[in-house]
Structure formats: C-alpha cells, structure tokens
Amino acid sequence: MTAIKHTEFESMPARRLRASFDAATIQLDEPNQLPRNAQRPVTVLPSSWLAVERAEWAALSAKELAQAYDDHEPDDSEADTQS
C-alpha cells in the first residue's frame, strides 16, 4: 500500500462529479479539471436511484401540502392578508 501525503489533500477540495460507465471506461458527464494521478473514489448507484429519490420527495411534498391546506385549516381573514 502506498502512503499518501497529507498535503496532497490540502490543495484539492472534495467535489462530487457525475460520470457514466460504458463497461470499459468511466467518463465524466461534464468537463472538469482533475489533477493527473489523483485518487478518485467511486460510488456505484443503481440506475433508478434518482427516480426513487424524486418520488419520495414528491410524496412527502404532497403529504405536507395536503396537511397544510386540509379542510380543518382555518381560512385567513381579509385582515390577515393585508399589510
């Protein structure tokens, strides 16, 4: 195992980059300057992870909106809405 100098990380801020894998190489989805030979950890996510996360957020939003505007919510009077 090669020891990594602590100073190598001080000059390179952490970034999250999207990439695609074509069964042979990993290609960044957008242009980015990376130092040559810099270590790059890779996290593999299922192809549907974004759709699942969006669906969960949409369900939570719908639930909270329904609760905020349910039939038991008192109506604002005209005085409440005037500044």
PDB file of N, CA and C in Angstrom:
ATOM      1  N   MET A   1       0.851  -1.184   0.000  1.00  0.00           N
ATOM      2  CA  MET A   1       0.000   0.000   0.000  1.00  0.00           C
ATOM      3  C   MET A   1       0.890   1.239   0.000  1.00  0.00           C
ATOM      4  N   THR A   2       0.562   2.210  -0.822  1.00  0.00           N
ATOM      5  CA  THR A   2       1.330   3.434  -0.921  1.00  0.00           C
ATOM      6  C   THR A   2       0.815   4.450   0.088  1.00  0.00           C
ATOM      7  N   ALA A   3       1.722   5.046   0.814  1.00  0.00           N
ATOM      8  CA  ALA A   3       1.333   6.082   1.769  1.00  0.00           C
ATOM      9  C   ALA A   3       0.992   7.358   1.021  1.00  0.00           C
ATOM     10  N   ILE A   4      -0.050   8.032   1.445  1.00  0.00           N
ATOM     11  CA  ILE A   4      -0.477   9.277   0.818  1.00  0.00           C
ATOM     12  C   ILE A   4      -0.078  10.429   1.724  1.00  0.00           C
ATOM     13  N   LYS A   5       0.588  11.413   1.136  1.00  0.00           N
ATOM     14  CA  LYS A   5       0.973  12.585   1.913  1.00  0.00           C
ATOM     15  C   LYS A   5      -0.267  13.410   2.236  1.00  0.00           C
ATOM     16  N   HIS A   6      -0.349  13.871   3.450  1.00  0.00           N
ATOM     17  CA  HIS A   6      -1.489  14.673   3.881  1.00  0.00           C
ATOM     18  C   HIS A   6      -1.599  15.953   3.060  1.00  0.00           C
ATOM     19  N   THR A   7      -0.487  16.514   2.624  1.00  0.00           N
ATOM     20  CA  THR A   7      -0.510  17.776   1.880  1.00  0.00           C
ATOM     21  C   THR A   7      -1.191  17.639   0.526  1.00  0.00           C
ATOM     22  N   GLU A   8      -1.263  16.448  -0.041  1.00  0.00           N
ATOM     23  CA  GLU A   8      -1.928  16.248  -1.326  1.00  0.00           C
ATOM     24  C   GLU A   8      -3.412  16.583  -1.230  1.00  0.00           C
ATOM     25  N   PHE A   9      -4.021  16.324  -0.086  1.00  0.00           N
ATOM     26  CA  PHE A   9      -5.447  16.569   0.081  1.00  0.00           C
ATOM     27  C   PHE A   9      -5.739  18.016   0.434  1.00  0.00           C
ATOM     28  N   GLU A  10      -4.770  18.714   1.000  1.00  0.00           N
ATOM     29  CA  GLU A  10      -4.997  20.095   1.395  1.00  0.00           C
ATOM     30  C   GLU A  10      -5.216  21.000   0.193  1.00  0.00           C
ATOM     31  N   SER A  11      -4.601  20.684  -0.938  1.00  0.00           N
ATOM     32  CA  SER A  11      -4.707  21.555  -2.098  1.00  0.00           C
ATOM     33  C   SER A  11      -5.831  21.139  -3.055  1.00  0.00           C
ATOM     34  N   MET A  12      -6.504  20.027  -2.799  1.00  0.00           N
ATOM     35  CA  MET A  12      -7.545  19.549  -3.696  1.00  0.00           C
ATOM     36  C   MET A  12      -8.865  19.421  -2.930  1.00  0.00           C
ATOM     37  N   PRO A  13      -9.789  20.383  -3.135  1.00  0.00           N
ATOM     38  CA  PRO A  13     -11.073  20.298  -2.425  1.00  0.00           C
ATOM     39  C   PRO A  13     -11.900  19.119  -2.938  1.00  0.00           C
ATOM     40  N   ALA A  14     -12.722  18.586  -2.072  1.00  0.00           N
ATOM     41  CA  ALA A  14     -13.599  17.477  -2.455  1.00  0.00           C
ATOM     42  C   ALA A  14     -14.671  17.996  -3.398  1.00  0.00           C
ATOM     43  N   ARG A  15     -15.002  17.198  -4.421  1.00  0.00           N
ATOM     44  CA  ARG A  15     -16.044  17.554  -5.379  1.00  0.00           C
ATOM     45  C   ARG A  15     -16.852  16.311  -5.696  1.00  0.00           C
ATOM     46  N   ARG A  16     -18.099  16.520  -6.038  1.00  0.00           N
ATOM     47  CA  ARG A  16     -18.968  15.424  -6.474  1.00  0.00           C
ATOM     48  C   ARG A  16     -19.191  15.599  -7.970  1.00  0.00           C
ATOM     49  N   LEU A  17     -18.832  14.578  -8.732  1.00  0.00           N
ATOM     50  CA  LEU A  17     -18.954  14.627 -10.184  1.00  0.00           C
ATOM     51  C   LEU A  17     -19.799  13.467 -10.665  1.00  0.00           C
ATOM     52  N   ARG A  18     -20.642  13.720 -11.642  1.00  0.00           N
ATOM     53  CA  ARG A  18     -21.432  12.648 -12.259  1.00  0.00           C
ATOM     54  C   ARG A  18     -20.609  12.040 -13.378  1.00  0.00           C
ATOM     55  N   ALA A  19     -20.720  10.740 -13.526  1.00  0.00           N
ATOM     56  CA  ALA A  19     -19.977  10.039 -14.566  1.00  0.00           C
ATOM     57  C   ALA A  19     -20.791   8.852 -15.060  1.00  0.00           C
ATOM     58  N   SER A  20     -20.409   8.356 -16.222  1.00  0.00           N
ATOM     59  CA  SER A  20     -21.061   7.189 -16.813  1.00  0.00           C
ATOM     60  C   SER A  20     -20.013   6.113 -17.054  1.00  0.00           C
ATOM     61  N   PHE A  21     -20.448   4.871 -17.006  1.00  0.00           N
ATOM     62  CA  PHE A  21     -19.557   3.727 -17.233  1.00  0.00           C
ATOM     63  C   PHE A  21     -20.082   2.968 -18.437  1.00  0.00           C
ATOM     64  N   ASP A  22     -19.218   2.738 -19.436  1.00  0.00           N
ATOM     65  CA  ASP A  22     -19.641   2.056 -20.658  1.00  0.00           C
ATOM     66  C   ASP A  22     -19.127   0.622 -20.734  1.00  0.00           C
ATOM     67  N   ALA A  23     -18.878   0.005 -19.599  1.00  0.00           N
ATOM     68  CA  ALA A  23     -18.361  -1.361 -19.474  1.00  0.00           C
ATOM     69  C   ALA A  23     -16.864  -1.442 -19.742  1.00  0.00           C
ATOM     70  N   ALA A  24     -16.244  -0.319 -20.087  1.00  0.00           N
ATOM     71  CA  ALA A  24     -14.801  -0.321 -20.303  1.00  0.00           C
ATOM     72  C   ALA A  24     -14.125   0.842 -19.573  1.00  0.00           C
ATOM     73  N   THR A  25     -14.738   2.027 -19.637  1.00  0.00           N
ATOM     74  CA  THR A  25     -14.135   3.206 -19.020  1.00  0.00           C
ATOM     75  C   THR A  25     -15.186   4.028 -18.287  1.00  0.00           C
ATOM     76  N   ILE A  26     -14.717   4.826 -17.354  1.00  0.00           N
ATOM     77  CA  ILE A  26     -15.574   5.784 -16.652  1.00  0.00           C
ATOM     78  C   ILE A  26     -15.364   7.131 -17.318  1.00  0.00           C
ATOM     79  N   GLN A  27     -16.444   7.752 -17.790  1.00  0.00           N
ATOM     80  CA  GLN A  27     -16.387   9.046 -18.460  1.00  0.00           C
ATOM     81  C   GLN A  27     -17.152  10.068 -17.629  1.00  0.00           C
ATOM     82  N   LEU A  28     -16.504  11.208 -17.340  1.00  0.00           N
ATOM     83  CA  LEU A  28     -17.196  12.277 -16.630  1.00  0.00           C
ATOM     84  C   LEU A  28     -18.302  12.832 -17.516  1.00  0.00           C
ATOM     85  N   ASP A  29     -19.449  13.129 -16.924  1.00  0.00           N
ATOM     86  CA  ASP A  29     -20.584  13.643 -17.684  1.00  0.00           C
ATOM     87  C   ASP A  29     -20.444  15.127 -18.027  1.00  0.00           C
ATOM     88  N   GLU A  30     -19.561  15.832 -17.345  1.00  0.00           N
ATOM     89  CA  GLU A  30     -19.341  17.241 -17.627  1.00  0.00           C
ATOM     90  C   GLU A  30     -17.848  17.534 -17.521  1.00  0.00           C
ATOM     91  N   PRO A  31     -17.350  18.518 -18.267  1.00  0.00           N
ATOM     92  CA  PRO A  31     -15.915  18.820 -18.232  1.00  0.00           C
ATOM     93  C   PRO A  31     -15.465  19.211 -16.834  1.00  0.00           C
ATOM     94  N   ASN A  32     -14.286  18.757 -16.461  1.00  0.00           N
ATOM     95  CA  ASN A  32     -13.740  19.072 -15.151  1.00  0.00           C
ATOM     96  C   ASN A  32     -12.247  18.842 -15.172  1.00  0.00           C
ATOM     97  N   GLN A  33     -11.501  19.725 -14.557  1.00  0.00           N
ATOM     98  CA  GLN A  33     -10.050  19.589 -14.471  1.00  0.00           C
ATOM     99  C   GLN A  33      -9.705  18.805 -13.204  1.00  0.00           C
ATOM    100  N   LEU A  34      -9.110  17.635 -13.385  1.00  0.00           N
ATOM    101  CA  LEU A  34      -8.666  16.827 -12.258  1.00  0.00           C
ATOM    102  C   LEU A  34      -7.149  16.669 -12.339  1.00  0.00           C
ATOM    103  N   PRO A  35      -6.471  16.712 -11.205  1.00  0.00           N
ATOM    104  CA  PRO A  35      -5.028  16.506 -11.233  1.00  0.00           C
ATOM    105  C   PRO A  35      -4.686  15.102 -11.745  1.00  0.00           C
ATOM    106  N   ARG A  36      -3.633  14.994 -12.535  1.00  0.00           N
ATOM    107  CA  ARG A  36      -3.185  13.703 -13.050  1.00  0.00           C
ATOM    108  C   ARG A  36      -2.813  12.797 -11.881  1.00  0.00           C
ATOM    109  N   ASN A  37      -3.237  11.570 -11.926  1.00  0.00           N
ATOM    110  CA  ASN A  37      -2.950  10.547 -10.923  1.00  0.00           C
ATOM    111  C   ASN A  37      -3.588  10.816  -9.561  1.00  0.00           C
ATOM    112  N   ALA A  38      -4.546  11.728  -9.488  1.00  0.00           N
ATOM    113  CA  ALA A  38      -5.253  11.962  -8.229  1.00  0.00           C
ATOM    114  C   ALA A  38      -6.139  10.760  -7.940  1.00  0.00           C
ATOM    115  N   GLN A  39      -6.228  10.377  -6.683  1.00  0.00           N
ATOM    116  CA  GLN A  39      -7.105   9.269  -6.327  1.00  0.00           C
ATOM    117  C   GLN A  39      -8.553   9.723  -6.446  1.00  0.00           C
ATOM    118  N   ARG A  40      -9.393   8.858  -6.986  1.00  0.00           N
ATOM    119  CA  ARG A  40     -10.794   9.174  -7.198  1.00  0.00           C
ATOM    120  C   ARG A  40     -11.656   8.048  -6.665  1.00  0.00           C
ATOM    121  N   PRO A  41     -12.272   8.221  -5.501  1.00  0.00           N
ATOM    122  CA  PRO A  41     -13.188   7.188  -5.028  1.00  0.00           C
ATOM    123  C   PRO A  41     -14.436   7.172  -5.913  1.00  0.00           C
ATOM    124  N   VAL A  42     -14.980   6.012  -6.128  1.00  0.00           N
ATOM    125  CA  VAL A  42     -16.152   5.856  -6.990  1.00  0.00           C
ATOM    126  C   VAL A  42     -17.252   5.165  -6.196  1.00  0.00           C
ATOM    127  N   THR A  43     -18.457   5.701  -6.278  1.00  0.00           N
ATOM    128  CA  THR A  43     -19.625   5.079  -5.670  1.00  0.00           C
ATOM    129  C   THR A  43     -20.561   4.668  -6.788  1.00  0.00           C
ATOM    130  N   VAL A  44     -20.931   3.417  -6.815  1.00  0.00           N
ATOM    131  CA  VAL A  44     -21.830   2.913  -7.852  1.00  0.00           C
ATOM    132  C   VAL A  44     -23.243   2.923  -7.299  1.00  0.00           C
ATOM    133  N   LEU A  45     -24.142   3.592  -8.022  1.00  0.00           N
ATOM    134  CA  LEU A  45     -25.534   3.699  -7.615  1.00  0.00           C
ATOM    135  C   LEU A  45     -26.413   2.998  -8.638  1.00  0.00           C
ATOM    136  N   PRO A  46     -27.525   2.427  -8.202  1.00  0.00           N
ATOM    137  CA  PRO A  46     -28.442   1.822  -9.178  1.00  0.00           C
ATOM    138  C   PRO A  46     -28.940   2.888 -10.144  1.00  0.00           C
ATOM    139  N   SER A  47     -29.223   2.502 -11.354  1.00  0.00           N
ATOM    140  CA  SER A  47     -29.626   3.475 -12.374  1.00  0.00           C
ATOM    141  C   SER A  47     -30.911   4.203 -12.015  1.00  0.00           C
ATOM    142  N   SER A  48     -31.734   3.627 -11.164  1.00  0.00           N
ATOM    143  CA  SER A  48     -33.013   4.241 -10.818  1.00  0.00           C
ATOM    144  C   SER A  48     -32.975   5.013  -9.499  1.00  0.00           C
ATOM    145  N   TRP A  49     -31.796   5.226  -8.924  1.00  0.00           N
ATOM    146  CA  TRP A  49     -31.744   5.866  -7.608  1.00  0.00           C
ATOM    147  C   TRP A  49     -32.341   7.266  -7.621  1.00  0.00           C
ATOM    148  N   LEU A  50     -32.120   8.035  -8.689  1.00  0.00           N
ATOM    149  CA  LEU A  50     -32.641   9.391  -8.733  1.00  0.00           C
ATOM    150  C   LEU A  50     -34.162   9.393  -8.848  1.00  0.00           C
ATOM    151  N   ALA A  51     -34.710   8.491  -9.637  1.00  0.00           N
ATOM    152  CA  ALA A  51     -36.166   8.408  -9.786  1.00  0.00           C
ATOM    153  C   ALA A  51     -36.811   8.051  -8.451  1.00  0.00           C
ATOM    154  N   VAL A  52     -36.206   7.143  -7.711  1.00  0.00           N
ATOM    155  CA  VAL A  52     -36.746   6.747  -6.404  1.00  0.00           C
ATOM    156  C   VAL A  52     -36.697   7.926  -5.445  1.00  0.00           C
ATOM    157  N   GLU A  53     -35.568   8.634  -5.417  1.00  0.00           N
ATOM    158  CA  GLU A  53     -35.447   9.768  -4.504  1.00  0.00           C
ATOM    159  C   GLU A  53     -36.452  10.866  -4.863  1.00  0.00           C
ATOM    160  N   ARG A  54     -36.617  11.142  -6.153  1.00  0.00           N
ATOM    161  CA  ARG A  54     -37.591  12.162  -6.565  1.00  0.00           C
ATOM    162  C   ARG A  54     -39.005  11.757  -6.183  1.00  0.00           C
ATOM    163  N   ALA A  55     -39.340  10.489  -6.339  1.00  0.00           N
ATOM    164  CA  ALA A  55     -40.674  10.007  -5.979  1.00  0.00           C
ATOM    165  C   ALA A  55     -40.912  10.162  -4.477  1.00  0.00           C
ATOM    166  N   GLU A  56     -39.891   9.870  -3.682  1.00  0.00           N
ATOM    167  CA  GLU A  56     -40.031  10.014  -2.228  1.00  0.00           C
ATOM    168  C   GLU A  56     -40.231  11.474  -1.842  1.00  0.00           C
ATOM    169  N   TRP A  57     -39.460  12.383  -2.469  1.00  0.00           N
ATOM    170  CA  TRP A  57     -39.624  13.808  -2.175  1.00  0.00           C
ATOM    171  C   TRP A  57     -40.993  14.299  -2.627  1.00  0.00           C
ATOM    172  N   ALA A  58     -41.461  13.854  -3.787  1.00  0.00           N
ATOM    173  CA  ALA A  58     -42.777  14.264  -4.288  1.00  0.00           C
ATOM    174  C   ALA A  58     -43.883  13.792  -3.356  1.00  0.00           C
ATOM    175  N   ALA A  59     -43.768  12.565  -2.849  1.00  0.00           N
ATOM    176  CA  ALA A  59     -44.773  12.037  -1.923  1.00  0.00           C
ATOM    177  C   ALA A  59     -44.781  12.833  -0.625  1.00  0.00           C
ATOM    178  N   LEU A  60     -43.601  13.161  -0.113  1.00  0.00           N
ATOM    179  CA  LEU A  60     -43.522  13.950   1.114  1.00  0.00           C
ATOM    180  C   LEU A  60     -44.109  15.345   0.896  1.00  0.00           C
ATOM    181  N   SER A  61     -43.786  15.958  -0.238  1.00  0.00           N
ATOM    182  CA  SER A  61     -44.323  17.287  -0.542  1.00  0.00           C
ATOM    183  C   SER A  61     -45.846  17.264  -0.630  1.00  0.00           C
ATOM    184  N   ALA A  62     -46.386  16.264  -1.323  1.00  0.00           N
ATOM    185  CA  ALA A  62     -47.837  16.154  -1.455  1.00  0.00           C
ATOM    186  C   ALA A  62     -48.495  15.966  -0.097  1.00  0.00           C
ATOM    187  N   LYS A  63     -47.894  15.159   0.743  1.00  0.00           N
ATOM    188  CA  LYS A  63     -48.444  14.918   2.086  1.00  0.00           C
ATOM    189  C   LYS A  63     -48.449  16.202   2.907  1.00  0.00           C
ATOM    190  N   GLU A  64     -47.335  16.937   2.881  1.00  0.00           N
ATOM    191  CA  GLU A  64     -47.237  18.172   3.667  1.00  0.00           C
ATOM    192  C   GLU A  64     -48.175  19.247   3.127  1.00  0.00           C
ATOM    193  N   LEU A  65     -48.310  19.356   1.795  1.00  0.00           N
ATOM    194  CA  LEU A  65     -49.246  20.329   1.229  1.00  0.00           C
ATOM    195  C   LEU A  65     -50.683  19.986   1.583  1.00  0.00           C
ATOM    196  N   ALA A  66     -51.018  18.708   1.540  1.00  0.00           N
ATOM    197  CA  ALA A  66     -52.374  18.283   1.900  1.00  0.00           C
ATOM    198  C   ALA A  66     -52.656  18.617   3.359  1.00  0.00           C
ATOM    199  N   GLN A  67     -51.673  18.434   4.213  1.00  0.00           N
ATOM    200  CA  GLN A  67     -51.854  18.732   5.633  1.00  0.00           C
ATOM    201  C   GLN A  67     -51.976  20.237   5.852  1.00  0.00           C
ATOM    202  N   ALA A  68     -51.192  21.023   5.114  1.00  0.00           N
ATOM    203  CA  ALA A  68     -51.222  22.475   5.285  1.00  0.00           C
ATOM    204  C   ALA A  68     -52.532  23.085   4.791  1.00  0.00           C
ATOM    205  N   TYR A  69     -53.145  22.458   3.785  1.00  0.00           N
ATOM    206  CA  TYR A  69     -54.360  23.016   3.195  1.00  0.00           C
ATOM    207  C   TYR A  69     -55.552  22.085   3.342  1.00  0.00           C
ATOM    208  N   ASP A  70     -55.609  21.344   4.440  1.00  0.00           N
ATOM    209  CA  ASP A  70     -56.733  20.414   4.612  1.00  0.00           C
ATOM    210  C   ASP A  70     -58.010  21.170   5.003  1.00  0.00           C
ATOM    211  N   ASP A  71     -59.116  20.456   5.096  1.00  0.00           N
ATOM    212  CA  ASP A  71     -60.418  21.061   5.383  1.00  0.00           C
ATOM    213  C   ASP A  71     -60.507  21.663   6.781  1.00  0.00           C
ATOM    214  N   HIS A  72     -59.620  21.260   7.679  1.00  0.00           N
ATOM    215  CA  HIS A  72     -59.661  21.756   9.056  1.00  0.00           C
ATOM    216  C   HIS A  72     -58.809  23.011   9.240  1.00  0.00           C
ATOM    217  N   GLU A  73     -58.187  23.452   8.178  1.00  0.00           N
ATOM    218  CA  GLU A  73     -57.349  24.652   8.244  1.00  0.00           C
ATOM    219  C   GLU A  73     -58.255  25.879   8.242  1.00  0.00           C
ATOM    220  N   PRO A  74     -58.109  26.747   9.229  1.00  0.00           N
ATOM    221  CA  PRO A  74     -58.959  27.951   9.253  1.00  0.00           C
ATOM    222  C   PRO A  74     -58.584  28.867   8.094  1.00  0.00           C
ATOM    223  N   ASP A  75     -59.596  29.512   7.512  1.00  0.00           N
ATOM    224  CA  ASP A  75     -59.336  30.458   6.433  1.00  0.00           C
ATOM    225  C   ASP A  75     -58.761  31.737   7.009  1.00  0.00           C
ATOM    226  N   ASP A  76     -57.862  32.339   6.243  1.00  0.00           N
ATOM    227  CA  ASP A  76     -57.337  33.634   6.649  1.00  0.00           C
ATOM    228  C   ASP A  76     -58.404  34.683   6.381  1.00  0.00           C
ATOM    229  N   SER A  77     -58.556  35.602   7.319  1.00  0.00           N
ATOM    230  CA  SER A  77     -59.495  36.687   7.094  1.00  0.00           C
ATOM    231  C   SER A  77     -58.838  37.722   6.191  1.00  0.00           C
ATOM    232  N   GLU A  78     -59.615  38.653   5.701  1.00  0.00           N
ATOM    233  CA  GLU A  78     -59.068  39.685   4.839  1.00  0.00           C
ATOM    234  C   GLU A  78     -58.053  40.521   5.610  1.00  0.00           C
ATOM    235  N   ALA A  79     -58.274  40.733   6.892  1.00  0.00           N
ATOM    236  CA  ALA A  79     -57.345  41.497   7.720  1.00  0.00           C
ATOM    237  C   ALA A  79     -55.997  40.785   7.828  1.00  0.00           C
ATOM    238  N   ASP A  80     -56.007  39.456   7.827  1.00  0.00           N
ATOM    239  CA  ASP A  80     -54.742  38.700   7.928  1.00  0.00           C
ATOM    240  C   ASP A  80     -53.896  38.854   6.673  1.00  0.00           C
ATOM    241  N   THR A  81     -54.510  39.072   5.556  1.00  0.00           N
ATOM    242  CA  THR A  81     -53.780  39.103   4.292  1.00  0.00           C
ATOM    243  C   THR A  81     -53.377  40.512   3.881  1.00  0.00           C
ATOM    244  N   GLN A  82     -53.867  41.532   4.554  1.00  0.00           N
ATOM    245  CA  GLN A  82     -53.490  42.911   4.216  1.00  0.00           C
ATOM    246  C   GLN A  82     -52.265  43.304   5.006  1.00  0.00           C
ATOM    247  N   SER A  83     -51.399  44.081   4.336  1.00  0.00           N
ATOM    248  CA  SER A  83     -50.186  44.511   5.050  1.00  0.00           C
ATOM    249  C   SER A  83     -50.291  45.916   5.546  1.00  0.00           C
TER     250      SER A  83
END
